[in-house]
Amino acid sequence: MGRDPAAPSRTSWPAPAGLRPSPWRRIGGALVTVVVLGLVGLAVAVAVVPAVTGSRAYTVLSGSMVPTLPIGSLVVSRPVDADDVVVGDLISFVNRDRTRGETRTVTHRVVAVDPGPVFTTRGDANPAPDPHPVTAQDLLGRVWYHLPWVGGAAGFLRTGPGLVVGGGAVLLLLGLGLLVPRRRRPGDRAERERG
């Protein structure tokens, strides 16, 4: 017992006009898909890639590397052998404040390599080299890639106001998805059949 070939198929395409999503729903769906894919790609670049490759992600907090690394950029540095670092490389390193006994992570450009190896670094926006040379033991890695403004946005989203803004954006997208009509109005279909 086969199906009558002249009978309409239940899975025919395109769907009957009354069941097709409205153009606004299709545009909204495409927009949400692009945003979600962008956020997933960003999450992969920020969290997954560094974790898998043994790299570290840092947020640029000062203007010492402007315009190469704008404030708020996310910098991903890969571990590198000190002997492979050359003049011109951007490196992340531990900067030790010998007077206060504090440390901080800095990303600057190598301007000289001396035996040891010991590196002289300088921020692109700074007029003079950094006062203390960087030893191989303080080298954290060479900059692999950076994402402008992502570090600042990620840092903001970890604050109380940032959680409110981020949560509000998610709720707004969900609300817009619920407000856009799912199907064309039945009256529209009747008018098309008359015409």
Protein backbone atom coordinates (compact mmCIF):
# COMPACT_ATOMS: atom_id res chain seq x y z
CA MET A 1 0.00 0.00 0.00
CA GLY A 2 1.78 3.04 -1.21
CA ARG A 3 1.04 6.68 -0.98
CA ASP A 4 -0.92 8.27 -3.81
CA PRO A 5 1.69 10.31 -5.76
CA ALA A 6 -0.93 12.93 -6.61
CA ALA A 7 -1.76 13.55 -2.95
CA PRO A 8 -0.01 16.49 -1.28
CA SER A 9 2.90 15.60 0.94
CA ARG A 10 2.72 16.43 4.63
CA THR A 11 6.33 17.60 4.54
CA SER A 12 6.04 19.75 1.43
CA TRP A 13 8.16 22.87 1.21
CA PRO A 14 7.61 25.76 1.32
CA ALA A 15 5.21 25.65 4.22
CA PRO A 16 1.72 26.96 3.57
CA ALA A 17 1.70 30.75 3.72
CA GLY A 18 -0.35 30.86 6.93
CA LEU A 19 2.26 28.79 8.78
CA ARG A 20 5.39 30.58 7.56
CA PRO A 21 7.17 32.72 10.15
CA SER A 22 6.85 36.44 9.66
CA PRO A 23 9.80 38.24 8.02
CA TRP A 24 10.48 39.97 11.34
CA ARG A 25 10.74 36.64 13.14
CA ARG A 26 13.17 35.36 10.50
CA ILE A 27 15.29 38.51 10.75
CA GLY A 28 15.20 38.34 14.55
CA GLY A 29 16.13 34.66 14.47
CA ALA A 30 19.04 35.34 12.15
CA LEU A 31 20.21 38.22 14.36
CA VAL A 32 20.04 36.08 17.50
CA THR A 33 21.93 33.29 15.70
CA VAL A 34 24.70 35.69 14.67
CA VAL A 35 24.95 37.12 18.21
CA VAL A 36 25.05 33.65 19.79
CA LEU A 37 27.68 32.40 17.32
CA GLY A 38 29.74 35.54 17.94
CA LEU A 39 29.55 35.05 21.70
CA VAL A 40 30.50 31.37 21.38
CA GLY A 41 33.46 32.30 19.15
CA LEU A 42 34.50 34.96 21.62
CA ALA A 43 34.26 32.51 24.52
CA VAL A 44 36.43 30.05 22.60
CA ALA A 45 39.04 32.76 21.88
CA VAL A 46 39.00 34.03 25.48
CA ALA A 47 38.76 30.84 27.53
CA VAL A 48 39.07 27.62 25.55
CA VAL A 49 42.06 28.40 23.30
CA PRO A 50 44.25 29.69 26.15
CA ALA A 51 43.31 26.72 28.37
CA VAL A 52 44.05 24.16 25.67
CA THR A 53 47.36 25.72 24.58
CA GLY A 54 48.69 26.55 28.04
CA SER A 55 48.46 30.26 27.25
CA ARG A 56 47.36 33.02 29.61
CA ALA A 57 44.90 35.85 29.05
CA TYR A 58 45.50 39.33 30.47
CA THR A 59 43.55 42.58 30.32
CA VAL A 60 45.40 45.76 29.28
CA LEU A 61 44.89 48.28 32.09
CA SER A 62 47.12 51.18 31.01
CA GLY A 63 47.87 53.15 27.87
CA SER A 64 51.56 52.22 27.71
CA MET A 65 51.03 50.11 24.56
CA VAL A 66 48.58 52.39 22.71
CA PRO A 67 47.84 52.21 19.77
CA THR A 68 49.05 48.60 19.42
CA LEU A 69 47.07 47.42 22.45
CA PRO A 70 44.21 49.75 23.39
CA ILE A 71 43.17 49.97 27.05
CA GLY A 72 40.70 47.19 27.79
CA SER A 73 42.14 44.79 25.21
CA LEU A 74 42.45 41.13 26.05
CA VAL A 75 45.98 39.84 25.38
CA VAL A 76 46.69 36.12 25.05
CA SER A 77 50.35 35.20 25.64
CA ARG A 78 51.79 31.78 24.83
CA PRO A 79 54.68 30.29 26.73
CA VAL A 80 57.93 30.78 24.83
CA ASP A 81 61.53 29.75 25.39
CA ALA A 82 63.54 32.80 26.45
CA ASP A 83 66.15 32.07 23.75
CA ASP A 84 63.44 32.45 21.05
CA VAL A 85 62.49 36.02 22.03
CA VAL A 86 63.80 38.66 19.62
CA VAL A 87 63.75 42.45 19.42
CA GLY A 88 60.29 43.61 18.39
CA ASP A 89 58.38 40.81 20.14
CA LEU A 90 55.58 41.73 22.53
CA ILE A 91 56.10 39.81 25.76
CA SER A 92 54.17 39.46 29.00
CA PHE A 93 56.31 39.35 32.11
CA VAL A 94 56.30 39.75 35.87
CA ASN A 95 57.34 43.28 36.77
CA ARG A 96 58.80 43.35 40.27
CA ASP A 97 58.59 46.61 42.21
CA ARG A 98 61.69 46.24 44.34
CA THR A 99 60.87 49.19 46.62
CA ARG A 100 57.41 47.93 47.64
CA GLY A 101 57.95 44.22 47.10
CA GLU A 102 54.91 44.04 44.79
CA THR A 103 54.54 42.32 41.43
CA ARG A 104 52.27 42.92 38.45
CA THR A 105 51.95 41.51 34.98
CA VAL A 106 53.09 43.81 32.16
CA THR A 107 53.01 43.41 28.38
CA HIS A 108 55.61 45.52 26.53
CA ARG A 109 57.77 45.35 23.42
CA VAL A 110 61.34 43.99 23.55
CA VAL A 111 63.78 46.72 22.47
CA ALA A 112 67.04 44.91 23.32
CA VAL A 113 68.19 41.40 24.16
CA ASP A 114 71.34 40.98 26.24
CA PRO A 115 73.20 37.77 27.17
CA GLY A 116 71.49 35.68 29.77
CA PRO A 117 69.03 36.32 28.12
CA VAL A 118 67.90 39.57 29.71
CA PHE A 119 65.35 41.76 27.92
CA THR A 120 65.00 45.52 27.83
CA THR A 121 61.37 46.42 27.23
CA ARG A 122 59.39 49.55 26.54
CA GLY A 123 55.73 50.38 26.07
CA ASP A 124 55.03 51.70 22.57
CA ALA A 125 53.57 54.91 24.05
CA ASN A 126 56.40 55.39 26.58
CA PRO A 127 59.33 57.70 25.74
CA ALA A 128 61.96 55.61 27.55
CA PRO A 129 62.64 51.91 28.19
CA ASP A 130 61.38 50.28 31.37
CA PRO A 131 63.72 50.91 34.32
CA HIS A 132 64.32 47.25 35.18
CA PRO A 133 65.40 44.54 32.73
CA VAL A 134 63.30 41.38 32.40
CA THR A 135 65.02 38.10 33.24
CA ALA A 136 64.12 34.74 31.72
CA GLN A 137 62.53 33.63 35.01
CA ASP A 138 60.09 36.58 34.85
CA LEU A 139 59.07 35.89 31.24
CA LEU A 140 55.45 34.66 31.05
CA GLY A 141 55.08 34.41 27.29
CA ARG A 142 55.02 36.08 23.89
CA VAL A 143 51.80 37.77 22.74
CA TRP A 144 49.96 35.39 20.44
CA TYR A 145 46.87 37.49 19.74
CA HIS A 146 44.80 40.27 21.26
CA LEU A 147 41.14 41.25 21.12
CA PRO A 148 40.53 45.00 21.45
CA TRP A 149 38.13 46.04 24.24
CA VAL A 150 37.16 42.44 25.13
CA GLY A 151 39.12 42.45 28.38
CA GLY A 152 37.42 45.62 29.53
CA ALA A 153 33.98 44.25 28.67
CA ALA A 154 34.72 40.96 30.44
CA GLY A 155 35.96 42.83 33.49
CA PHE A 156 32.84 45.03 33.51
CA LEU A 157 30.54 41.99 33.28
CA ARG A 158 32.15 40.61 36.46
CA THR A 159 31.01 43.65 38.47
CA GLY A 160 27.58 44.19 40.02
CA PRO A 161 26.46 46.80 37.47
CA GLY A 162 27.92 44.64 34.69
CA LEU A 163 25.85 41.65 35.77
CA VAL A 164 22.75 43.84 35.70
CA VAL A 165 23.56 45.16 32.21
CA GLY A 166 24.46 41.70 30.85
CA GLY A 167 21.39 40.08 32.39
CA GLY A 168 19.22 42.91 31.08
CA ALA A 169 20.59 42.43 27.55
CA VAL A 170 19.78 38.70 27.68
CA LEU A 171 16.26 39.40 28.97
CA LEU A 172 15.76 42.06 26.29
CA LEU A 173 16.69 39.60 23.53
CA LEU A 174 14.36 36.97 24.99
CA GLY A 175 11.56 39.52 25.29
CA LEU A 176 12.00 40.68 21.71
CA GLY A 177 11.84 37.07 20.58
CA LEU A 178 8.53 36.64 22.38
CA LEU A 179 7.03 39.88 21.02
CA VAL A 180 7.64 39.15 17.34
CA PRO A 181 4.63 37.28 15.87
CA ARG A 182 5.23 33.60 15.18
CA ARG A 183 2.90 33.24 12.19
CA ARG A 184 1.26 35.46 9.68
CA ARG A 185 -2.26 36.54 10.57
CA PRO A 186 -5.05 34.30 9.25
CA GLY A 187 -6.64 37.33 7.54
CA ASP A 188 -3.52 37.81 5.41
CA ARG A 189 -3.90 34.31 3.98
CA ALA A 190 -7.54 34.88 3.09
CA GLU A 191 -6.68 38.09 1.22
CA ARG A 192 -3.97 36.31 -0.81
CA GLU A 193 -6.37 33.51 -1.79
CA ARG A 194 -8.93 36.07 -3.04
CA GLY A 195 -6.36 37.93 -5.14
